[in-house]
């Protein structure tokens, strides 16, 4: 297979939106039902170009979500939930019947 970017008609620095647009243009030119070999080549080139973009750190490609929780804020929320859930036996009976 030749260079995937050349096959799709995009520059190697193209972002994922440009790669996707070029892929769809090629699919209109070579539909899968009438050009199965070309379709396979285009699909392979699209996947290779996307993989190259992901390895470059393309901002449109999803990456891992990094988050941290503040232990003090988490404890405060937990205390509020526990306080809201405390019921007296009389309140429970009144709500049940």
N, C-alpha and C. Protein backbone atom coordinates (compact mmCIF):
# COMPACT_ATOMS: atom_id res chain seq x y z
N UNK A 1 0.85 -1.18 0.00
CA UNK A 1 0.00 0.00 0.00
C UNK A 1 0.89 1.24 0.00
N UNK A 2 0.50 2.24 -0.76
CA UNK A 2 1.25 3.49 -0.77
C UNK A 2 0.95 4.26 0.50
N UNK A 3 1.50 5.44 0.60
CA UNK A 3 1.28 6.27 1.77
C UNK A 3 -0.22 6.54 1.95
N UNK A 4 -0.77 6.33 3.15
CA UNK A 4 -2.21 6.51 3.34
C UNK A 4 -2.66 7.95 3.10
N UNK A 5 -1.82 8.91 3.44
CA UNK A 5 -2.20 10.31 3.23
C UNK A 5 -2.27 10.64 1.74
N UNK A 6 -1.35 10.06 0.97
CA UNK A 6 -1.37 10.28 -0.48
C UNK A 6 -2.61 9.64 -1.09
N UNK A 7 -2.93 8.45 -0.66
CA UNK A 7 -4.11 7.75 -1.18
C UNK A 7 -5.38 8.53 -0.88
N UNK A 8 -5.46 9.12 0.30
CA UNK A 8 -6.65 9.90 0.67
C UNK A 8 -6.61 11.31 0.10
N UNK A 9 -5.43 11.77 -0.29
CA UNK A 9 -5.32 13.11 -0.85
C UNK A 9 -5.22 14.20 0.19
N UNK A 10 -4.57 13.90 1.32
CA UNK A 10 -4.37 14.89 2.37
C UNK A 10 -2.88 14.97 2.71
N UNK A 11 -2.50 16.06 3.36
CA UNK A 11 -1.11 16.21 3.79
C UNK A 11 -0.90 15.39 5.06
N UNK A 12 0.31 14.96 5.34
CA UNK A 12 0.56 14.16 6.54
C UNK A 12 0.22 14.88 7.84
N UNK A 13 0.22 16.21 7.84
CA UNK A 13 -0.10 16.97 9.05
C UNK A 13 -1.60 17.22 9.20
N UNK A 14 -2.42 16.64 8.35
CA UNK A 14 -3.86 16.88 8.38
C UNK A 14 -4.46 16.41 9.70
N UNK A 15 -5.45 17.16 10.17
CA UNK A 15 -6.12 16.77 11.41
C UNK A 15 -7.17 15.71 11.11
N UNK A 16 -7.78 15.19 12.17
CA UNK A 16 -8.72 14.07 11.98
C UNK A 16 -9.96 14.48 11.19
N UNK A 17 -10.39 15.73 11.29
CA UNK A 17 -11.56 16.18 10.53
C UNK A 17 -11.25 16.18 9.03
N UNK A 18 -10.06 16.63 8.65
CA UNK A 18 -9.69 16.64 7.23
C UNK A 18 -9.53 15.22 6.70
N UNK A 19 -8.98 14.34 7.52
CA UNK A 19 -8.81 12.94 7.11
C UNK A 19 -10.17 12.29 6.90
N UNK A 20 -11.09 12.56 7.81
CA UNK A 20 -12.43 11.98 7.70
C UNK A 20 -13.16 12.51 6.47
N UNK A 21 -13.02 13.81 6.20
CA UNK A 21 -13.67 14.40 5.02
C UNK A 21 -13.09 13.80 3.74
N UNK A 22 -11.78 13.63 3.68
CA UNK A 22 -11.15 13.03 2.50
C UNK A 22 -11.61 11.59 2.33
N UNK A 23 -11.73 10.87 3.43
CA UNK A 23 -12.20 9.48 3.39
C UNK A 23 -13.61 9.41 2.79
N UNK A 24 -14.49 10.29 3.23
CA UNK A 24 -15.86 10.27 2.71
C UNK A 24 -15.92 10.68 1.24
N UNK A 25 -15.05 11.61 0.84
CA UNK A 25 -14.98 11.96 -0.59
C UNK A 25 -14.57 10.75 -1.43
N UNK A 26 -13.58 10.02 -0.94
CA UNK A 26 -13.12 8.83 -1.67
C UNK A 26 -14.20 7.75 -1.70
N UNK A 27 -14.96 7.62 -0.64
CA UNK A 27 -16.03 6.62 -0.62
C UNK A 27 -17.12 6.94 -1.64
N UNK A 28 -17.39 8.24 -1.82
CA UNK A 28 -18.36 8.60 -2.85
C UNK A 28 -17.82 8.29 -4.25
N UNK A 29 -16.52 8.44 -4.40
CA UNK A 29 -15.88 8.17 -5.69
C UNK A 29 -15.78 6.66 -5.96
N UNK A 30 -15.50 5.88 -4.91
CA UNK A 30 -15.34 4.43 -5.03
C UNK A 30 -16.24 3.71 -4.03
N UNK A 31 -17.54 3.57 -4.32
CA UNK A 31 -18.44 2.89 -3.39
C UNK A 31 -18.05 1.42 -3.21
N UNK A 32 -18.32 0.90 -2.03
CA UNK A 32 -17.91 -0.46 -1.67
C UNK A 32 -18.56 -1.52 -2.56
N UNK A 33 -19.80 -1.32 -2.94
CA UNK A 33 -20.49 -2.37 -3.71
C UNK A 33 -19.99 -2.49 -5.15
N UNK A 34 -19.46 -1.41 -5.70
CA UNK A 34 -19.00 -1.48 -7.09
C UNK A 34 -17.47 -1.48 -7.21
N UNK A 35 -16.75 -1.11 -6.17
CA UNK A 35 -15.28 -1.08 -6.18
C UNK A 35 -14.74 -1.69 -4.88
N UNK A 36 -14.91 -2.99 -4.67
CA UNK A 36 -14.53 -3.58 -3.38
C UNK A 36 -13.04 -3.49 -3.08
N UNK A 37 -12.18 -3.65 -4.07
CA UNK A 37 -10.73 -3.59 -3.82
C UNK A 37 -10.30 -2.18 -3.45
N UNK A 38 -10.79 -1.20 -4.20
CA UNK A 38 -10.46 0.19 -3.89
C UNK A 38 -11.00 0.58 -2.52
N UNK A 39 -12.21 0.09 -2.21
CA UNK A 39 -12.80 0.39 -0.91
C UNK A 39 -11.91 -0.13 0.22
N UNK A 40 -11.41 -1.35 0.08
CA UNK A 40 -10.53 -1.91 1.11
C UNK A 40 -9.26 -1.08 1.25
N UNK A 41 -8.69 -0.63 0.14
CA UNK A 41 -7.49 0.20 0.19
C UNK A 41 -7.78 1.54 0.88
N UNK A 42 -8.90 2.14 0.55
CA UNK A 42 -9.28 3.42 1.15
C UNK A 42 -9.52 3.25 2.64
N UNK A 43 -10.21 2.18 3.00
CA UNK A 43 -10.49 1.93 4.43
C UNK A 43 -9.18 1.72 5.20
N UNK A 44 -8.27 0.94 4.66
CA UNK A 44 -6.98 0.71 5.30
C UNK A 44 -6.19 2.01 5.44
N UNK A 45 -6.22 2.81 4.38
CA UNK A 45 -5.50 4.09 4.43
C UNK A 45 -6.12 5.01 5.48
N UNK A 46 -7.44 5.03 5.58
CA UNK A 46 -8.13 5.85 6.57
C UNK A 46 -7.73 5.43 7.98
N UNK A 47 -7.75 4.13 8.26
CA UNK A 47 -7.39 3.64 9.59
C UNK A 47 -5.93 3.95 9.91
N UNK A 48 -5.04 3.81 8.92
CA UNK A 48 -3.62 4.11 9.14
C UNK A 48 -3.41 5.60 9.40
N UNK A 49 -4.10 6.45 8.65
CA UNK A 49 -3.97 7.89 8.84
C UNK A 49 -4.52 8.32 10.20
N UNK A 50 -5.63 7.71 10.61
CA UNK A 50 -6.18 8.02 11.93
C UNK A 50 -5.23 7.58 13.03
N UNK A 51 -4.64 6.41 12.88
CA UNK A 51 -3.69 5.91 13.88
C UNK A 51 -2.47 6.82 13.96
N UNK A 52 -2.01 7.29 12.82
CA UNK A 52 -0.87 8.21 12.82
C UNK A 52 -1.23 9.52 13.51
N UNK A 53 -2.45 9.98 13.29
CA UNK A 53 -2.91 11.21 13.96
C UNK A 53 -3.03 11.03 15.46
N UNK A 54 -3.49 9.86 15.88
CA UNK A 54 -3.63 9.58 17.31
C UNK A 54 -2.27 9.51 17.98
N UNK A 55 -1.28 8.96 17.28
CA UNK A 55 0.05 8.87 17.88
C UNK A 55 0.72 10.23 17.94
N UNK A 56 0.28 11.17 17.10
CA UNK A 56 0.80 12.54 17.14
C UNK A 56 0.18 13.35 18.26
N UNK A 57 -0.84 12.82 18.90
CA UNK A 57 -1.52 13.58 19.93
C UNK A 57 -2.57 14.51 19.35
N UNK A 58 -3.30 14.03 18.36
CA UNK A 58 -4.35 14.82 17.72
C UNK A 58 -5.38 15.23 18.76
N UNK A 59 -5.69 16.52 18.89
CA UNK A 59 -6.62 16.97 19.93
C UNK A 59 -8.05 16.49 19.73
N UNK A 60 -8.41 16.06 18.53
CA UNK A 60 -9.77 15.57 18.31
C UNK A 60 -9.92 14.09 18.64
N UNK A 61 -8.83 13.41 18.89
CA UNK A 61 -8.89 12.01 19.27
C UNK A 61 -9.07 11.92 20.78
N UNK A 62 -9.97 11.07 21.26
CA UNK A 62 -10.16 10.97 22.71
C UNK A 62 -8.93 10.38 23.38
N UNK A 63 -8.64 10.89 24.52
CA UNK A 63 -7.52 10.40 25.30
C UNK A 63 -8.00 9.99 26.68
N UNK A 64 -7.10 9.57 27.53
CA UNK A 64 -7.52 9.16 28.87
C UNK A 64 -7.99 10.36 29.69
N UNK A 65 -8.98 10.13 30.48
CA UNK A 65 -9.52 11.17 31.36
C UNK A 65 -8.78 11.11 32.68
N UNK A 66 -8.15 12.20 33.03
CA UNK A 66 -7.41 12.27 34.27
C UNK A 66 -8.15 13.19 35.23
N UNK A 67 -8.47 12.68 36.39
CA UNK A 67 -9.19 13.47 37.38
C UNK A 67 -8.73 13.09 38.77
N UNK A 68 -8.82 14.04 39.66
CA UNK A 68 -8.52 13.76 41.05
C UNK A 68 -9.60 14.41 41.91
N UNK A 69 -9.90 13.79 43.02
CA UNK A 69 -10.93 14.30 43.91
C UNK A 69 -10.28 14.88 45.15
N UNK A 70 -10.80 16.00 45.57
CA UNK A 70 -10.34 16.61 46.81
C UNK A 70 -10.95 15.81 47.96
N UNK A 71 -10.11 15.24 48.80
CA UNK A 71 -10.59 14.38 49.88
C UNK A 71 -11.49 15.14 50.85
N UNK A 72 -11.16 16.39 51.11
CA UNK A 72 -11.97 17.18 52.05
C UNK A 72 -13.36 17.47 51.47
N UNK A 73 -13.42 17.83 50.19
CA UNK A 73 -14.71 18.08 49.55
C UNK A 73 -15.53 16.80 49.46
N UNK A 74 -14.87 15.69 49.18
CA UNK A 74 -15.56 14.41 49.11
C UNK A 74 -16.14 14.03 50.47
N UNK A 75 -15.39 14.26 51.53
CA UNK A 75 -15.88 13.96 52.88
C UNK A 75 -17.07 14.86 53.22
N UNK A 76 -17.03 16.12 52.81
CA UNK A 76 -18.15 17.04 53.08
C UNK A 76 -19.41 16.58 52.36
N UNK A 77 -19.27 16.17 51.12
CA UNK A 77 -20.44 15.67 50.38
C UNK A 77 -20.98 14.40 51.01
N UNK A 78 -20.08 13.51 51.41
CA UNK A 78 -20.50 12.26 52.06
C UNK A 78 -21.25 12.55 53.35
N UNK A 79 -20.78 13.50 54.15
CA UNK A 79 -21.47 13.86 55.39
C UNK A 79 -22.85 14.44 55.12
N UNK A 80 -22.96 15.26 54.06
CA UNK A 80 -24.27 15.83 53.72
C UNK A 80 -25.24 14.74 53.28
N UNK A 81 -24.75 13.76 52.54
CA UNK A 81 -25.62 12.66 52.10
C UNK A 81 -26.08 11.84 53.29
N UNK A 82 -25.15 11.54 54.20
CA UNK A 82 -25.53 10.77 55.38
C UNK A 82 -26.53 11.54 56.24
N UNK A 83 -26.34 12.83 56.38
CA UNK A 83 -27.27 13.64 57.17
C UNK A 83 -28.64 13.68 56.51
N UNK A 84 -28.69 13.75 55.21
CA UNK A 84 -29.97 13.78 54.51
C UNK A 84 -30.68 12.45 54.57
N UNK A 85 -29.96 11.36 54.76
CA UNK A 85 -30.56 10.03 54.77
C UNK A 85 -30.99 9.59 56.16
N UNK A 86 -30.59 10.29 57.19
CA UNK A 86 -30.98 9.89 58.55
C UNK A 86 -32.46 10.14 58.78
N UNK A 87 -33.14 9.11 59.18
CA UNK A 87 -34.56 9.21 59.48
C UNK A 87 -34.82 8.70 60.88
N UNK A 88 -35.75 9.30 61.49
CA UNK A 88 -36.21 8.81 62.79
C UNK A 88 -37.22 7.70 62.51
N UNK A 89 -37.37 6.81 63.48
CA UNK A 89 -38.31 5.72 63.32
C UNK A 89 -39.72 6.25 63.10
N UNK A 90 -40.09 7.30 63.79
CA UNK A 90 -41.43 7.88 63.63
C UNK A 90 -41.61 8.42 62.21
N UNK A 91 -40.58 9.06 61.65
CA UNK A 91 -40.67 9.58 60.29
C UNK A 91 -40.81 8.43 59.29
N UNK A 92 -40.07 7.35 59.52
CA UNK A 92 -40.14 6.21 58.63
C UNK A 92 -41.52 5.57 58.65
N UNK A 93 -42.10 5.42 59.83
CA UNK A 93 -43.44 4.85 59.94
C UNK A 93 -44.48 5.74 59.28
N UNK A 94 -44.35 7.04 59.47
CA UNK A 94 -45.30 7.98 58.88
C UNK A 94 -45.19 7.94 57.35
N UNK A 95 -43.98 7.83 56.81
CA UNK A 95 -43.82 7.77 55.36
C UNK A 95 -44.27 6.44 54.78
N UNK A 96 -44.17 5.38 55.56
CA UNK A 96 -44.54 4.06 55.08
C UNK A 96 -46.05 3.86 55.02
N UNK A 97 -46.76 4.38 56.02
CA UNK A 97 -48.23 4.14 56.08
C UNK A 97 -49.02 5.34 55.78
